[in-house]
């Protein structure tokens, strides 16, 4: 029997730390939501929250021209 999905919120920020998007993501656990946010390439920097708990802070990779 599988566990119910957890609901997370992903906040993405611009270079001056203003929120540019807020998305709800459902995942089985922390590792899965981090993988989903990373694969989706959300924003320049992001925070993943489950309720009042900060799960992760992600920084987008900077590409060299």
C-alpha atoms as a PDB file:
ATOM      1  CA  UNK A   1       0.000   0.000   0.000  1.00  0.00           C
ATOM      2  CA  UNK A   2       1.430   3.374  -0.967  1.00  0.00           C
ATOM      3  CA  UNK A   3       1.630   6.418   1.270  1.00  0.00           C
ATOM      4  CA  UNK A   4      -0.617   9.391   0.540  1.00  0.00           C
ATOM      5  CA  UNK A   5       0.975  12.266  -1.317  1.00  0.00           C
ATOM      6  CA  UNK A   6       2.158  15.287   0.638  1.00  0.00           C
ATOM      7  CA  UNK A   7       1.409  18.819  -0.536  1.00  0.00           C
ATOM      8  CA  UNK A   8       4.335  21.192  -0.926  1.00  0.00           C
ATOM      9  CA  UNK A   9       4.568  24.808  -2.046  1.00  0.00           C
ATOM     10  CA  UNK A  10       7.459  25.945  -4.255  1.00  0.00           C
ATOM     11  CA  UNK A  11       8.282  29.659  -4.119  1.00  0.00           C
ATOM     12  CA  UNK A  12      10.600  31.027  -6.792  1.00  0.00           C
ATOM     13  CA  UNK A  13      12.440  34.314  -6.542  1.00  0.00           C
ATOM     14  CA  UNK A  14      14.067  36.729  -8.941  1.00  0.00           C
ATOM     15  CA  UNK A  15      17.571  38.139  -8.508  1.00  0.00           C
ATOM     16  CA  UNK A  16      16.397  40.685  -5.883  1.00  0.00           C
ATOM     17  CA  UNK A  17      14.449  38.080  -3.882  1.00  0.00           C
ATOM     18  CA  UNK A  18      10.933  39.056  -4.989  1.00  0.00           C
ATOM     19  CA  UNK A  19       8.547  36.110  -5.342  1.00  0.00           C
ATOM     20  CA  UNK A  20       7.869  35.551  -9.037  1.00  0.00           C
ATOM     21  CA  UNK A  21       5.884  32.327  -8.754  1.00  0.00           C
ATOM     22  CA  UNK A  22       4.242  30.078  -6.235  1.00  0.00           C
ATOM     23  CA  UNK A  23       3.336  26.531  -7.217  1.00  0.00           C
ATOM     24  CA  UNK A  24       1.692  23.647  -5.389  1.00  0.00           C
ATOM     25  CA  UNK A  25       3.403  20.307  -5.945  1.00  0.00           C
ATOM     26  CA  UNK A  26       2.304  16.921  -4.640  1.00  0.00           C
ATOM     27  CA  UNK A  27       4.925  14.271  -3.981  1.00  0.00           C
ATOM     28  CA  UNK A  28       5.479  11.146  -1.905  1.00  0.00           C
ATOM     29  CA  UNK A  29       8.311  12.771   0.072  1.00  0.00           C
ATOM     30  CA  UNK A  30      11.032  15.398   0.272  1.00  0.00           C
ATOM     31  CA  UNK A  31      13.415  13.717  -2.159  1.00  0.00           C
ATOM     32  CA  UNK A  32      10.704  13.427  -4.792  1.00  0.00           C
ATOM     33  CA  UNK A  33       9.565  17.060  -4.552  1.00  0.00           C
ATOM     34  CA  UNK A  34      13.182  18.274  -4.738  1.00  0.00           C
ATOM     35  CA  UNK A  35      13.721  16.147  -7.857  1.00  0.00           C
ATOM     36  CA  UNK A  36      10.491  17.458  -9.430  1.00  0.00           C
ATOM     37  CA  UNK A  37      11.402  21.105  -8.731  1.00  0.00           C
ATOM     38  CA  UNK A  38      14.944  20.613 -10.040  1.00  0.00           C
ATOM     39  CA  UNK A  39      13.727  18.883 -13.220  1.00  0.00           C
ATOM     40  CA  UNK A  40      11.148  21.620 -13.856  1.00  0.00           C
ATOM     41  CA  UNK A  41      13.874  24.270 -13.647  1.00  0.00           C
ATOM     42  CA  UNK A  42      11.804  26.567 -11.414  1.00  0.00           C
ATOM     43  CA  UNK A  43      13.142  30.160 -11.176  1.00  0.00           C
ATOM     44  CA  UNK A  44      16.579  31.489 -10.362  1.00  0.00           C
ATOM     45  CA  UNK A  45      16.242  30.430  -6.744  1.00  0.00           C
ATOM     46  CA  UNK A  46      13.490  28.532  -4.979  1.00  0.00           C
ATOM     47  CA  UNK A  47      12.313  27.437  -1.580  1.00  0.00           C
ATOM     48  CA  UNK A  48      10.243  24.324  -1.013  1.00  0.00           C
ATOM     49  CA  UNK A  49       7.900  24.321   1.971  1.00  0.00           C
ATOM     50  CA  UNK A  50       5.649  21.704   3.546  1.00  0.00           C
ATOM     51  CA  UNK A  51       3.368  23.722   5.802  1.00  0.00           C
ATOM     52  CA  UNK A  52       5.650  25.704   8.142  1.00  0.00           C
ATOM     53  CA  UNK A  53       8.681  23.485   7.445  1.00  0.00           C
ATOM     54  CA  UNK A  54      11.386  24.628   5.017  1.00  0.00           C
ATOM     55  CA  UNK A  55      12.307  21.503   3.060  1.00  0.00           C
ATOM     56  CA  UNK A  56      14.990  22.864   0.728  1.00  0.00           C
ATOM     57  CA  UNK A  57      16.478  25.936  -0.887  1.00  0.00           C
ATOM     58  CA  UNK A  58      17.474  25.469  -4.523  1.00  0.00           C
ATOM     59  CA  UNK A  59      19.683  27.641  -6.688  1.00  0.00           C
ATOM     60  CA  UNK A  60      19.470  27.404 -10.467  1.00  0.00           C
ATOM     61  CA  UNK A  61      22.707  26.567 -12.227  1.00  0.00           C
ATOM     62  CA  UNK A  62      24.151  29.538 -14.004  1.00  0.00           C
ATOM     63  CA  UNK A  63      24.949  28.792 -17.628  1.00  0.00           C
ATOM     64  CA  UNK A  64      28.070  30.157 -19.184  1.00  0.00           C
ATOM     65  CA  UNK A  65      27.699  31.901 -22.518  1.00  0.00           C
END
